[in-house]
Amino acid sequence: MDAKKVAVLIESWGEPWNEGYKNLARYIVEMLSDSVNINVIPADKVKFSSLENFDLIHIFNYTIPLHLFVRFARVKKPIVKHIAKKEVDINVKSFARTLLNTRFVWDAFIATTDILAEEVRRLVRDKPVFYLPPPIPTDFFKKLDKDECRELLGLKNDEIYIGYTGTLNRFRNLGLILKALRLINDKRKEKIKFILSLTNVKPEELAQLKEYLNMNQIKLLTVKDVRLIYSSIDALIYPVKREGAIEPPLTILEAMSCECIVVAYRNIVTSKLILDGYNGFTFSDSEDLAKIIRHLIDGRLDGRIAENARKTIVKSYDSSMLCKFYVRLYEQILDEL
């Protein structure tokens, strides 16, 4: 692949790295940089004359404007669409745009889960659809010293911390966590603190938290290195019913790689990744979640769960392992299209 040139098109690029699609693109570019001549082109920098100089065009979270649709359709190089979430049949407008792009622009698809691949195949019957998991740089996302991380974050060594990272919106179901904490009796509740590491959150959204819990039980943290959070907390709660950015969620994959116990909402994606009691837990409602938290407080969780979480990610999502599969797929697409 050294002689071949790949263009990666993405809506935006660069810091802050707090958007799933952007991080996925970054991980792939960094993973392939030693094996492929790869270039990132942000949305506002696309020059169609230069696209013809590439052998393959890899599109991430990139919406093709109607006024540029014909120009993209005329590009003679293979264009690969990366599907990382349920996005191809959300509504009528999206469905119509997908059909047009499928017919005239996109030549092949890469899906980040086998479930997404099947969803795409049901819509796209005459174009190849491939499944490749999102690569995780496991050499970076690994457990740091717990005591040192807690000291840096101002956390106590004798308290139990559960955490949530990300943003707040109606899809995140933070209320599931807060309701579960209310279900735990007062004696147990004194032993636990709820860590929130939030991005892109409005002040009025933070104010709503006061309606659920005494703010003394909630600690808000802002960190640039999320490994500090994952290495400090006793469990990460992920209450999202169906991810709107990347599936499987990068937050879950990165936390598991750091040997953090993840407790995720049970859906068709998380139930395939997380095996209850082996490498994490899934829950379906607040009562389920409260039961898991009680076991955590009482010290009844198997210490090997965190180790198994790391093993799961290294086995199936490690970027150094997946690199060869991405290169082979690029070669296959170039040979067949």
C-alpha atoms as a PDB file:
ATOM      1  CA  MET A   1       0.000   0.000   0.000  1.00  0.00           C
ATOM      2  CA  ASP A   2       3.000   2.337   0.236  1.00  0.00           C
ATOM      3  CA  ALA A   3       2.599   3.407  -3.388  1.00  0.00           C
ATOM      4  CA  LYS A   4      -1.151   3.980  -3.050  1.00  0.00           C
ATOM      5  CA  LYS A   5      -2.634   7.206  -1.751  1.00  0.00           C
ATOM      6  CA  VAL A   6      -5.714   7.343   0.493  1.00  0.00           C
ATOM      7  CA  ALA A   7      -7.710  10.493   1.271  1.00  0.00           C
ATOM      8  CA  VAL A   8      -9.671  10.561   4.529  1.00  0.00           C
ATOM      9  CA  LEU A   9     -12.565  13.032   4.336  1.00  0.00           C
ATOM     10  CA  ILE A  10     -14.091  14.188   7.623  1.00  0.00           C
ATOM     11  CA  GLU A  11     -16.356  17.060   8.609  1.00  0.00           C
ATOM     12  CA  SER A  12     -13.881  18.546  11.088  1.00  0.00           C
ATOM     13  CA  TRP A  13     -10.393  17.692  12.246  1.00  0.00           C
ATOM     14  CA  GLY A  14      -8.145  18.576  15.146  1.00  0.00           C
ATOM     15  CA  GLU A  15      -8.569  19.387  18.816  1.00  0.00           C
ATOM     16  CA  PRO A  16     -10.595  19.156  20.926  1.00  0.00           C
ATOM     17  CA  TRP A  17     -10.743  15.380  20.487  1.00  0.00           C
ATOM     18  CA  ASN A  18     -14.137  14.894  22.120  1.00  0.00           C
ATOM     19  CA  GLU A  19     -16.241  13.746  19.177  1.00  0.00           C
ATOM     20  CA  GLY A  20     -16.570  10.051  18.427  1.00  0.00           C
ATOM     21  CA  TYR A  21     -16.259  10.141  14.649  1.00  0.00           C
ATOM     22  CA  LYS A  22     -13.284  12.484  14.797  1.00  0.00           C
ATOM     23  CA  ASN A  23     -11.507  10.258  17.290  1.00  0.00           C
ATOM     24  CA  LEU A  24     -12.230   7.150  15.226  1.00  0.00           C
ATOM     25  CA  ALA A  25     -10.743   8.825  12.158  1.00  0.00           C
ATOM     26  CA  ARG A  26      -7.698   9.864  14.178  1.00  0.00           C
ATOM     27  CA  TYR A  27      -7.140   6.351  15.510  1.00  0.00           C
ATOM     28  CA  ILE A  28      -7.335   4.889  12.000  1.00  0.00           C
ATOM     29  CA  VAL A  29      -5.011   7.504  10.513  1.00  0.00           C
ATOM     30  CA  GLU A  30      -2.460   7.025  13.300  1.00  0.00           C
ATOM     31  CA  MET A  31      -2.730   3.247  12.983  1.00  0.00           C
ATOM     32  CA  LEU A  32      -2.151   3.278   9.211  1.00  0.00           C
ATOM     33  CA  SER A  33       0.397   6.086   8.990  1.00  0.00           C
ATOM     34  CA  ASP A  34       3.360   3.691   8.763  1.00  0.00           C
ATOM     35  CA  SER A  35       1.696   1.384   6.224  1.00  0.00           C
ATOM     36  CA  VAL A  36      -0.348   3.665   3.970  1.00  0.00           C
ATOM     37  CA  ASN A  37       0.206   7.021   2.280  1.00  0.00           C
ATOM     38  CA  ILE A  38      -2.795   8.608   3.978  1.00  0.00           C
ATOM     39  CA  ASN A  39      -3.982  12.231   4.034  1.00  0.00           C
ATOM     40  CA  VAL A  40      -6.748  13.857   6.087  1.00  0.00           C
ATOM     41  CA  ILE A  41      -8.907  16.407   4.254  1.00  0.00           C
ATOM     42  CA  PRO A  42     -11.421  18.431   6.348  1.00  0.00           C
ATOM     43  CA  ALA A  43     -14.741  19.436   4.783  1.00  0.00           C
ATOM     44  CA  ASP A  44     -13.738  23.009   4.074  1.00  0.00           C
ATOM     45  CA  LYS A  45     -10.486  21.997   2.349  1.00  0.00           C
ATOM     46  CA  VAL A  46     -11.815  19.640  -0.348  1.00  0.00           C
ATOM     47  CA  LYS A  47     -10.542  20.364  -3.864  1.00  0.00           C
ATOM     48  CA  PHE A  48     -12.062  18.032  -6.433  1.00  0.00           C
ATOM     49  CA  SER A  49      -9.144  18.342  -8.796  1.00  0.00           C
ATOM     50  CA  SER A  50      -6.870  16.932  -6.099  1.00  0.00           C
ATOM     51  CA  LEU A  51      -9.181  14.009  -5.273  1.00  0.00           C
ATOM     52  CA  GLU A  52      -8.301  12.415  -8.572  1.00  0.00           C
ATOM     53  CA  ASN A  53      -4.687  12.202  -7.347  1.00  0.00           C
ATOM     54  CA  PHE A  54      -5.732   9.675  -4.685  1.00  0.00           C
ATOM     55  CA  ASP A  55      -6.330   5.984  -5.282  1.00  0.00           C
ATOM     56  CA  LEU A  56      -9.086   5.656  -2.675  1.00  0.00           C
ATOM     57  CA  ILE A  57     -11.323   8.084  -0.793  1.00  0.00           C
ATOM     58  CA  HIS A  58     -12.460   7.127   2.722  1.00  0.00           C
ATOM     59  CA  ILE A  59     -15.418   9.183   3.978  1.00  0.00           C
ATOM     60  CA  PHE A  60     -16.162   9.521   7.699  1.00  0.00           C
ATOM     61  CA  ASN A  61     -18.715  11.832   9.325  1.00  0.00           C
ATOM     62  CA  TYR A  62     -18.960  13.928   6.200  1.00  0.00           C
ATOM     63  CA  THR A  63     -22.226  15.210   4.764  1.00  0.00           C
ATOM     64  CA  ILE A  64     -22.155  15.804   1.025  1.00  0.00           C
ATOM     65  CA  PRO A  65     -23.937  19.115   0.321  1.00  0.00           C
ATOM     66  CA  LEU A  66     -26.485  19.013  -2.499  1.00  0.00           C
ATOM     67  CA  HIS A  67     -24.556  21.593  -4.511  1.00  0.00           C
ATOM     68  CA  LEU A  68     -21.504  19.289  -4.476  1.00  0.00           C
ATOM     69  CA  PHE A  69     -23.362  16.045  -5.029  1.00  0.00           C
ATOM     70  CA  VAL A  70     -22.793  15.922  -8.791  1.00  0.00           C
ATOM     71  CA  ARG A  71     -19.096  16.687  -8.398  1.00  0.00           C
ATOM     72  CA  PHE A  72     -18.670  13.816  -5.933  1.00  0.00           C
ATOM     73  CA  ALA A  73     -20.634  11.534  -8.253  1.00  0.00           C
ATOM     74  CA  ARG A  74     -18.155  12.299 -11.046  1.00  0.00           C
ATOM     75  CA  VAL A  75     -15.080  11.338  -8.991  1.00  0.00           C
ATOM     76  CA  LYS A  76     -13.601   8.305 -10.718  1.00  0.00           C
ATOM     77  CA  LYS A  77     -11.795   6.889  -7.695  1.00  0.00           C
ATOM     78  CA  PRO A  78     -13.433   4.389  -5.277  1.00  0.00           C
ATOM     79  CA  ILE A  79     -15.287   6.154  -2.450  1.00  0.00           C
ATOM     80  CA  VAL A  80     -15.728   4.164   0.762  1.00  0.00           C
ATOM     81  CA  LYS A  81     -18.365   5.233   3.299  1.00  0.00           C
ATOM     82  CA  HIS A  82     -17.583   4.459   6.953  1.00  0.00           C
ATOM     83  CA  ILE A  83     -20.745   3.605   8.910  1.00  0.00           C
ATOM     84  CA  ALA A  84     -20.241   3.825  12.671  1.00  0.00           C
ATOM     85  CA  LYS A  85     -23.804   4.396  13.871  1.00  0.00           C
ATOM     86  CA  LYS A  86     -27.385   3.796  12.815  1.00  0.00           C
ATOM     87  CA  GLU A  87     -27.585   6.631  10.318  1.00  0.00           C
ATOM     88  CA  VAL A  88     -28.749   5.381   6.917  1.00  0.00           C
ATOM     89  CA  ASP A  89     -32.501   5.236   7.545  1.00  0.00           C
ATOM     90  CA  ILE A  90     -33.213   7.651  10.383  1.00  0.00           C
ATOM     91  CA  ASN A  91     -35.850   9.711   8.587  1.00  0.00           C
ATOM     92  CA  VAL A  92     -37.239  10.398   5.124  1.00  0.00           C
ATOM     93  CA  LYS A  93     -34.641  13.046   4.276  1.00  0.00           C
ATOM     94  CA  SER A  94     -31.764  10.850   5.457  1.00  0.00           C
ATOM     95  CA  PHE A  95     -33.209   7.852   3.627  1.00  0.00           C
ATOM     96  CA  ALA A  96     -33.498   9.783   0.354  1.00  0.00           C
ATOM     97  CA  ARG A  97     -29.970  11.161   0.688  1.00  0.00           C
ATOM     98  CA  THR A  98     -28.666   7.664   1.451  1.00  0.00           C
ATOM     99  CA  LEU A  99     -30.313   6.204  -1.655  1.00  0.00           C
ATOM    100  CA  LEU A 100     -28.819   8.925  -3.850  1.00  0.00           C
ATOM    101  CA  ASN A 101     -25.359   8.532  -2.363  1.00  0.00           C
ATOM    102  CA  THR A 102     -25.570   4.750  -2.581  1.00  0.00           C
ATOM    103  CA  ARG A 103     -26.560   4.855  -6.225  1.00  0.00           C
ATOM    104  CA  PHE A 104     -24.189   7.551  -7.449  1.00  0.00           C
ATOM    105  CA  VAL A 105     -21.395   8.259  -4.933  1.00  0.00           C
ATOM    106  CA  TRP A 106     -20.486   5.501  -2.464  1.00  0.00           C
ATOM    107  CA  ASP A 107     -18.840   2.404  -3.903  1.00  0.00           C
ATOM    108  CA  ALA A 108     -18.334   0.344  -0.723  1.00  0.00           C
ATOM    109  CA  PHE A 109     -19.104   0.460   3.000  1.00  0.00           C
ATOM    110  CA  ILE A 110     -17.171  -0.253   6.186  1.00  0.00           C
ATOM    111  CA  ALA A 111     -19.279  -0.839   9.306  1.00  0.00           C
ATOM    112  CA  THR A 112     -17.886  -0.820  12.843  1.00  0.00           C
ATOM    113  CA  THR A 113     -20.135  -3.662  14.078  1.00  0.00           C
ATOM    114  CA  ASP A 114     -21.587  -6.740  12.409  1.00  0.00           C
ATOM    115  CA  ILE A 115     -25.023  -5.434  13.431  1.00  0.00           C
ATOM    116  CA  LEU A 116     -24.500  -2.179  11.531  1.00  0.00           C
ATOM    117  CA  ALA A 117     -23.158  -4.163   8.573  1.00  0.00           C
ATOM    118  CA  GLU A 118     -26.398  -6.156   8.415  1.00  0.00           C
ATOM    119  CA  GLU A 119     -28.482  -2.983   8.709  1.00  0.00           C
ATOM    120  CA  VAL A 120     -26.583  -1.486   5.772  1.00  0.00           C
ATOM    121  CA  ARG A 121     -26.873  -4.667   3.683  1.00  0.00           C
ATOM    122  CA  ARG A 122     -30.653  -4.592   4.010  1.00  0.00           C
ATOM    123  CA  LEU A 123     -30.624  -1.179   2.351  1.00  0.00           C
ATOM    124  CA  VAL A 124     -27.654  -1.622   0.020  1.00  0.00           C
ATOM    125  CA  ARG A 125     -27.929  -4.752  -2.061  1.00  0.00           C
ATOM    126  CA  ASP A 126     -25.520  -4.167  -4.933  1.00  0.00           C
ATOM    127  CA  LYS A 127     -22.508  -2.641  -3.113  1.00  0.00           C
ATOM    128  CA  PRO A 128     -19.961  -4.469  -0.907  1.00  0.00           C
ATOM    129  CA  VAL A 129     -20.311  -4.016   2.867  1.00  0.00           C
ATOM    130  CA  PHE A 130     -17.391  -4.907   5.163  1.00  0.00           C
ATOM    131  CA  TYR A 131     -17.180  -5.179   8.938  1.00  0.00           C
ATOM    132  CA  LEU A 132     -14.109  -3.836  10.751  1.00  0.00           C
ATOM    133  CA  PRO A 133     -14.113  -2.927  14.470  1.00  0.00           C
ATOM    134  CA  PRO A 134     -12.885   0.515  15.532  1.00  0.00           C
ATOM    135  CA  PRO A 135      -9.173   0.325  16.435  1.00  0.00           C
ATOM    136  CA  ILE A 136      -8.197   1.255  19.986  1.00  0.00           C
ATOM    137  CA  PRO A 137      -4.594   2.289  20.797  1.00  0.00           C
ATOM    138  CA  THR A 138      -4.321  -0.103  23.743  1.00  0.00           C
ATOM    139  CA  ASP A 139      -0.694   0.870  24.374  1.00  0.00           C
ATOM    140  CA  PHE A 140      -2.043   4.299  25.330  1.00  0.00           C
ATOM    141  CA  PHE A 141      -5.347   3.291  26.923  1.00  0.00           C
ATOM    142  CA  LYS A 142      -4.049   1.204  29.786  1.00  0.00           C
ATOM    143  CA  LYS A 143      -4.512   1.328  33.533  1.00  0.00           C
ATOM    144  CA  LEU A 144      -2.463   3.913  35.432  1.00  0.00           C
ATOM    145  CA  ASP A 145      -1.611   3.754  39.132  1.00  0.00           C
ATOM    146  CA  LYS A 146      -4.929   4.106  40.952  1.00  0.00           C
ATOM    147  CA  ASP A 147      -3.584   5.828  44.061  1.00  0.00           C
ATOM    148  CA  GLU A 148      -1.594   8.371  42.042  1.00  0.00           C
ATOM    149  CA  CYS A 149      -4.581   9.143  39.801  1.00  0.00           C
ATOM    150  CA  ARG A 150      -6.885   9.641  42.772  1.00  0.00           C
ATOM    151  CA  GLU A 151      -4.373  11.970  44.388  1.00  0.00           C
ATOM    152  CA  LEU A 152      -4.132  14.033  41.191  1.00  0.00           C
ATOM    153  CA  LEU A 153      -7.920  14.276  40.993  1.00  0.00           C
ATOM    154  CA  GLY A 154      -8.426  14.993  44.691  1.00  0.00           C
ATOM    155  CA  LEU A 155     -10.246  11.720  45.367  1.00  0.00           C
ATOM    156  CA  LYS A 156     -10.048   9.734  48.595  1.00  0.00           C
ATOM    157  CA  ASN A 157      -8.617   6.227  48.674  1.00  0.00           C
ATOM    158  CA  ASP A 158     -11.244   4.901  51.104  1.00  0.00           C
ATOM    159  CA  GLU A 159     -14.318   5.861  49.053  1.00  0.00           C
ATOM    160  CA  ILE A 160     -16.068   4.113  46.167  1.00  0.00           C
ATOM    161  CA  TYR A 161     -16.477   6.105  42.984  1.00  0.00           C
ATOM    162  CA  ILE A 162     -18.698   5.425  40.016  1.00  0.00           C
ATOM    163  CA  GLY A 163     -18.290   7.628  36.992  1.00  0.00           C
ATOM    164  CA  TYR A 164     -19.917   9.005  33.887  1.00  0.00           C
ATOM    165  CA  THR A 165     -18.050  10.726  31.051  1.00  0.00           C
ATOM    166  CA  GLY A 166     -19.351  12.618  28.052  1.00  0.00           C
ATOM    167  CA  THR A 167     -22.121  15.092  27.487  1.00  0.00           C
ATOM    168  CA  LEU A 168     -25.683  15.491  28.765  1.00  0.00           C
ATOM    169  CA  ASN A 169     -28.642  15.215  26.414  1.00  0.00           C
ATOM    170  CA  ARG A 170     -31.971  13.397  26.123  1.00  0.00           C
ATOM    171  CA  PHE A 171     -30.296  10.355  24.581  1.00  0.00           C
ATOM    172  CA  ARG A 172     -27.834   9.891  27.455  1.00  0.00           C
ATOM    173  CA  ASN A 173     -30.429   8.869  30.070  1.00  0.00           C
ATOM    174  CA  LEU A 174     -28.446  10.191  33.018  1.00  0.00           C
ATOM    175  CA  GLY A 175     -31.682   9.937  34.983  1.00  0.00           C
ATOM    176  CA  LEU A 176     -31.292   6.141  34.978  1.00  0.00           C
ATOM    177  CA  ILE A 177     -28.117   6.489  37.050  1.00  0.00           C
ATOM    178  CA  LEU A 178     -29.581   9.072  39.385  1.00  0.00           C
ATOM    179  CA  LYS A 179     -32.714   6.988  39.974  1.00  0.00           C
ATOM    180  CA  ALA A 180     -30.562   3.919  40.710  1.00  0.00           C
ATOM    181  CA  LEU A 181     -28.577   5.877  43.288  1.00  0.00           C
ATOM    182  CA  ARG A 182     -31.816   6.987  44.961  1.00  0.00           C
ATOM    183  CA  LEU A 183     -32.882   3.327  45.222  1.00  0.00           C
ATOM    184  CA  ILE A 184     -29.823   2.489  47.322  1.00  0.00           C
ATOM    185  CA  ASN A 185     -30.471   2.879  51.049  1.00  0.00           C
ATOM    186  CA  ASP A 186     -28.887   5.779  52.921  1.00  0.00           C
ATOM    187  CA  LYS A 187     -26.337   3.685  54.803  1.00  0.00           C
ATOM    188  CA  ARG A 188     -24.870   2.295  51.598  1.00  0.00           C
ATOM    189  CA  LYS A 189     -25.195   5.621  49.779  1.00  0.00           C
ATOM    190  CA  GLU A 190     -22.779   7.267  52.212  1.00  0.00           C
ATOM    191  CA  LYS A 191     -19.999   5.024  50.900  1.00  0.00           C
ATOM    192  CA  ILE A 192     -20.273   6.070  47.269  1.00  0.00           C
ATOM    193  CA  LYS A 193     -19.534   9.180  45.233  1.00  0.00           C
ATOM    194  CA  PHE A 194     -20.700   9.940  41.696  1.00  0.00           C
ATOM    195  CA  ILE A 195     -17.991  11.369  39.406  1.00  0.00           C
ATOM    196  CA  LEU A 196     -19.072  13.407  36.385  1.00  0.00           C
ATOM    197  CA  SER A 197     -16.494  14.277  33.738  1.00  0.00           C
ATOM    198  CA  LEU A 198     -18.498  16.309  31.246  1.00  0.00           C
ATOM    199  CA  THR A 199     -17.918  17.948  27.869  1.00  0.00           C
ATOM    200  CA  ASN A 200     -20.051  20.443  25.952  1.00  0.00           C
ATOM    201  CA  VAL A 201     -22.513  20.837  28.837  1.00  0.00           C
ATOM    202  CA  LYS A 202     -24.658  23.922  29.375  1.00  0.00           C
ATOM    203  CA  PRO A 203     -25.018  25.467  32.874  1.00  0.00           C
ATOM    204  CA  GLU A 204     -28.784  24.825  32.916  1.00  0.00           C
ATOM    205  CA  GLU A 205     -28.151  21.115  32.293  1.00  0.00           C
ATOM    206  CA  LEU A 206     -25.816  20.949  35.283  1.00  0.00           C
ATOM    207  CA  ALA A 207     -28.388  22.740  37.417  1.00  0.00           C
ATOM    208  CA  GLN A 208     -30.875  19.922  36.791  1.00  0.00           C
ATOM    209  CA  LEU A 209     -28.638  17.503  38.687  1.00  0.00           C
ATOM    210  CA  LYS A 210     -29.510  19.269  41.951  1.00  0.00           C
ATOM    211  CA  GLU A 211     -33.066  18.000  41.572  1.00  0.00           C
ATOM    212  CA  TYR A 212     -31.909  14.411  41.953  1.00  0.00           C
ATOM    213  CA  LEU A 213     -29.100  14.237  44.499  1.00  0.00           C
ATOM    214  CA  ASN A 214     -27.401  16.169  47.208  1.00  0.00           C
ATOM    215  CA  MET A 215     -24.507  17.853  45.366  1.00  0.00           C
ATOM    216  CA  ASN A 216     -22.158  16.644  48.111  1.00  0.00           C
ATOM    217  CA  GLN A 217     -22.483  13.192  46.587  1.00  0.00           C
ATOM    218  CA  ILE A 218     -21.585  14.432  43.096  1.00  0.00           C
ATOM    219  CA  LYS A 219     -18.091  15.525  42.112  1.00  0.00           C
ATOM    220  CA  LEU A 220     -17.561  17.344  38.822  1.00  0.00           C
ATOM    221  CA  LEU A 221     -14.180  16.891  37.162  1.00  0.00           C
ATOM    222  CA  THR A 222     -12.589  18.295  34.044  1.00  0.00           C
ATOM    223  CA  VAL A 223      -9.620  16.348  32.710  1.00  0.00           C
ATOM    224  CA  LYS A 224      -7.705  16.280  29.442  1.00  0.00           C
ATOM    225  CA  ASP A 225      -6.542  12.702  29.953  1.00  0.00           C
ATOM    226  CA  VAL A 226      -9.546  10.418  30.497  1.00  0.00           C
ATOM    227  CA  ARG A 227      -7.223   7.632  31.637  1.00  0.00           C
ATOM    228  CA  LEU A 228      -7.052   9.439  34.978  1.00  0.00           C
ATOM    229  CA  ILE A 229     -10.812   8.954  35.354  1.00  0.00           C
ATOM    230  CA  TYR A 230     -10.882   5.342  34.154  1.00  0.00           C
ATOM    231  CA  SER A 231      -7.967   4.406  36.423  1.00  0.00           C
ATOM    232  CA  SER A 232      -9.495   6.119  39.480  1.00  0.00           C
ATOM    233  CA  ILE A 233     -13.119   5.046  39.484  1.00  0.00           C
ATOM    234  CA  ASP A 234     -14.483   1.667  40.544  1.00  0.00           C
ATOM    235  CA  ALA A 235     -16.973   1.491  37.679  1.00  0.00           C
ATOM    236  CA  LEU A 236     -18.078   3.518  34.657  1.00  0.00           C
ATOM    237  CA  ILE A 237     -21.816   3.725  33.996  1.00  0.00           C
ATOM    238  CA  TYR A 238     -22.882   4.083  30.356  1.00  0.00           C
ATOM    239  CA  PRO A 239     -26.680   4.597  30.249  1.00  0.00           C
ATOM    240  CA  VAL A 240     -27.130   5.170  26.489  1.00  0.00           C
ATOM    241  CA  LYS A 241     -29.887   3.075  24.894  1.00  0.00           C
ATOM    242  CA  ARG A 242     -28.480   3.328  21.345  1.00  0.00           C
ATOM    243  CA  GLU A 243     -25.307   5.263  20.595  1.00  0.00           C
ATOM    244  CA  GLY A 244     -25.525   8.297  18.315  1.00  0.00           C
ATOM    245  CA  ALA A 245     -21.815   8.634  17.539  1.00  0.00           C
ATOM    246  CA  ILE A 246     -19.813   5.385  17.374  1.00  0.00           C
ATOM    247  CA  GLU A 247     -20.886   1.782  17.864  1.00  0.00           C
ATOM    248  CA  PRO A 248     -19.535   0.127  19.896  1.00  0.00           C
ATOM    249  CA  PRO A 249     -19.020   3.331  21.901  1.00  0.00           C
ATOM    250  CA  LEU A 250     -15.384   4.442  22.061  1.00  0.00           C
ATOM    251  CA  THR A 251     -15.943   5.472  25.686  1.00  0.00           C
ATOM    252  CA  ILE A 252     -16.717   1.857  26.600  1.00  0.00           C
ATOM    253  CA  LEU A 253     -13.829   0.441  24.576  1.00  0.00           C
ATOM    254  CA  GLU A 254     -11.295   2.912  25.985  1.00  0.00           C
ATOM    255  CA  ALA A 255     -12.477   2.407  29.570  1.00  0.00           C
ATOM    256  CA  MET A 256     -12.355  -1.388  29.264  1.00  0.00           C
ATOM    257  CA  SER A 257      -8.854  -1.112  27.796  1.00  0.00           C
ATOM    258  CA  CYS A 258      -7.896   0.782  30.980  1.00  0.00           C
ATOM    259  CA  GLU A 259      -9.205  -2.128  33.096  1.00  0.00           C
ATOM    260  CA  CYS A 260     -12.218  -0.139  34.223  1.00  0.00           C
ATOM    261  CA  ILE A 261     -15.395  -2.089  34.981  1.00  0.00           C
ATOM    262  CA  VAL A 262     -18.095  -0.834  32.608  1.00  0.00           C
ATOM    263  CA  VAL A 263     -21.796  -1.074  33.419  1.00  0.00           C
ATOM    264  CA  ALA A 264     -23.642  -0.335  30.174  1.00  0.00           C
ATOM    265  CA  TYR A 265     -27.262  -0.151  29.116  1.00  0.00           C
ATOM    266  CA  ARG A 266     -28.190  -3.488  27.550  1.00  0.00           C
ATOM    267  CA  ASN A 267     -28.811  -3.242  23.816  1.00  0.00           C
ATOM    268  CA  ILE A 268     -27.959  -5.249  20.704  1.00  0.00           C
ATOM    269  CA  VAL A 269     -24.444  -3.782  20.590  1.00  0.00           C
ATOM    270  CA  THR A 270     -23.376  -3.797  24.250  1.00  0.00           C
ATOM    271  CA  SER A 271     -24.819  -7.261  24.911  1.00  0.00           C
ATOM    272  CA  LYS A 272     -22.426  -8.704  22.304  1.00  0.00           C
ATOM    273  CA  LEU A 273     -19.413  -6.853  23.708  1.00  0.00           C
ATOM    274  CA  ILE A 274     -20.025  -7.229  27.455  1.00  0.00           C
ATOM    275  CA  LEU A 275     -20.646 -10.593  29.089  1.00  0.00           C
ATOM    276  CA  ASP A 276     -22.294 -10.041  32.475  1.00  0.00           C
ATOM    277  CA  GLY A 277     -20.003 -10.922  35.346  1.00  0.00           C
ATOM    278  CA  TYR A 278     -17.081 -11.762  33.042  1.00  0.00           C
ATOM    279  CA  ASN A 279     -15.806  -8.491  31.552  1.00  0.00           C
ATOM    280  CA  GLY A 280     -18.417  -6.013  32.772  1.00  0.00           C
ATOM    281  CA  PHE A 281     -22.159  -5.689  33.289  1.00  0.00           C
ATOM    282  CA  THR A 282     -25.253  -4.630  31.362  1.00  0.00           C
ATOM    283  CA  PHE A 283     -28.543  -3.372  32.781  1.00  0.00           C
ATOM    284  CA  SER A 284     -32.031  -2.736  31.469  1.00  0.00           C
ATOM    285  CA  ASP A 285     -33.466  -0.381  34.098  1.00  0.00           C
ATOM    286  CA  SER A 286     -32.611   1.513  37.282  1.00  0.00           C
ATOM    287  CA  GLU A 287     -33.438  -1.467  39.503  1.00  0.00           C
ATOM    288  CA  ASP A 288     -30.918  -3.586  37.577  1.00  0.00           C
ATOM    289  CA  LEU A 289     -28.301  -0.877  37.892  1.00  0.00           C
ATOM    290  CA  ALA A 290     -28.942  -0.355  41.617  1.00  0.00           C
ATOM    291  CA  LYS A 291     -28.381  -4.084  42.226  1.00  0.00           C
ATOM    292  CA  ILE A 292     -24.998  -3.958  40.467  1.00  0.00           C
ATOM    293  CA  ILE A 293     -23.970  -0.851  42.437  1.00  0.00           C
ATOM    294  CA  ARG A 294     -24.924  -2.570  45.708  1.00  0.00           C
ATOM    295  CA  HIS A 295     -22.648  -5.491  44.820  1.00  0.00           C
ATOM    296  CA  LEU A 296     -19.887  -2.990  44.075  1.00  0.00           C
ATOM    297  CA  ILE A 297     -20.315  -1.245  47.428  1.00  0.00           C
ATOM    298  CA  ASP A 298     -20.353  -4.538  49.316  1.00  0.00           C
ATOM    299  CA  GLY A 299     -17.193  -5.774  47.568  1.00  0.00           C
ATOM    300  CA  ARG A 300     -18.915  -8.709  45.908  1.00  0.00           C
ATOM    301  CA  LEU A 301     -17.587  -8.118  42.384  1.00  0.00           C
ATOM    302  CA  ASP A 302     -14.935 -10.490  41.042  1.00  0.00           C
ATOM    303  CA  GLY A 303     -11.584  -8.710  40.765  1.00  0.00           C
ATOM    304  CA  ARG A 304     -10.899 -10.473  37.470  1.00  0.00           C
ATOM    305  CA  ILE A 305     -13.685  -8.594  35.690  1.00  0.00           C
ATOM    306  CA  ALA A 306     -11.465  -5.557  35.071  1.00  0.00           C
ATOM    307  CA  GLU A 307      -8.630  -7.776  33.791  1.00  0.00           C
ATOM    308  CA  ASN A 308     -11.024  -9.587  31.453  1.00  0.00           C
ATOM    309  CA  ALA A 309     -12.268  -6.252  30.144  1.00  0.00           C
ATOM    310  CA  ARG A 310      -8.735  -5.341  29.077  1.00  0.00           C
ATOM    311  CA  LYS A 311      -8.216  -8.780  27.508  1.00  0.00           C
ATOM    312  CA  THR A 312     -11.421  -8.377  25.479  1.00  0.00           C
ATOM    313  CA  ILE A 313     -10.254  -5.104  23.948  1.00  0.00           C
ATOM    314  CA  VAL A 314      -6.695  -6.281  23.265  1.00  0.00           C
ATOM    315  CA  LYS A 315      -8.008  -9.419  21.558  1.00  0.00           C
ATOM    316  CA  SER A 316     -10.554  -7.795  19.229  1.00  0.00           C
ATOM    317  CA  TYR A 317      -9.928  -4.027  19.056  1.00  0.00           C
ATOM    318  CA  ASP A 318      -6.177  -3.461  19.403  1.00  0.00           C
ATOM    319  CA  SER A 319      -4.993  -1.069  16.677  1.00  0.00           C
ATOM    320  CA  SER A 320      -1.679  -2.841  16.082  1.00  0.00           C
ATOM    321  CA  MET A 321      -3.627  -6.039  15.404  1.00  0.00           C
ATOM    322  CA  LEU A 322      -6.331  -4.428  13.247  1.00  0.00           C
ATOM    323  CA  CYS A 323      -3.863  -2.485  11.093  1.00  0.00           C
ATOM    324  CA  LYS A 324      -3.220  -5.415   8.764  1.00  0.00           C
ATOM    325  CA  PHE A 325      -6.959  -5.980   8.300  1.00  0.00           C
ATOM    326  CA  TYR A 326      -7.540  -2.368   7.281  1.00  0.00           C
ATOM    327  CA  VAL A 327      -4.627  -2.513   4.842  1.00  0.00           C
ATOM    328  CA  ARG A 328      -5.920  -5.757   3.333  1.00  0.00           C
ATOM    329  CA  LEU A 329      -9.389  -4.283   2.975  1.00  0.00           C
ATOM    330  CA  TYR A 330      -8.037  -1.214   1.192  1.00  0.00           C
ATOM    331  CA  GLU A 331      -6.140  -3.520  -1.171  1.00  0.00           C
ATOM    332  CA  GLN A 332      -9.239  -5.652  -1.776  1.00  0.00           C
ATOM    333  CA  ILE A 333     -11.381  -2.596  -2.576  1.00  0.00           C
ATOM    334  CA  LEU A 334      -8.750  -1.249  -4.955  1.00  0.00           C
ATOM    335  CA  ASP A 335      -8.501  -4.629  -6.706  1.00  0.00           C
ATOM    336  CA  GLU A 336     -12.249  -5.115  -7.085  1.00  0.00           C
ATOM    337  CA  LEU A 337     -13.553  -1.598  -7.787  1.00  0.00           C
END
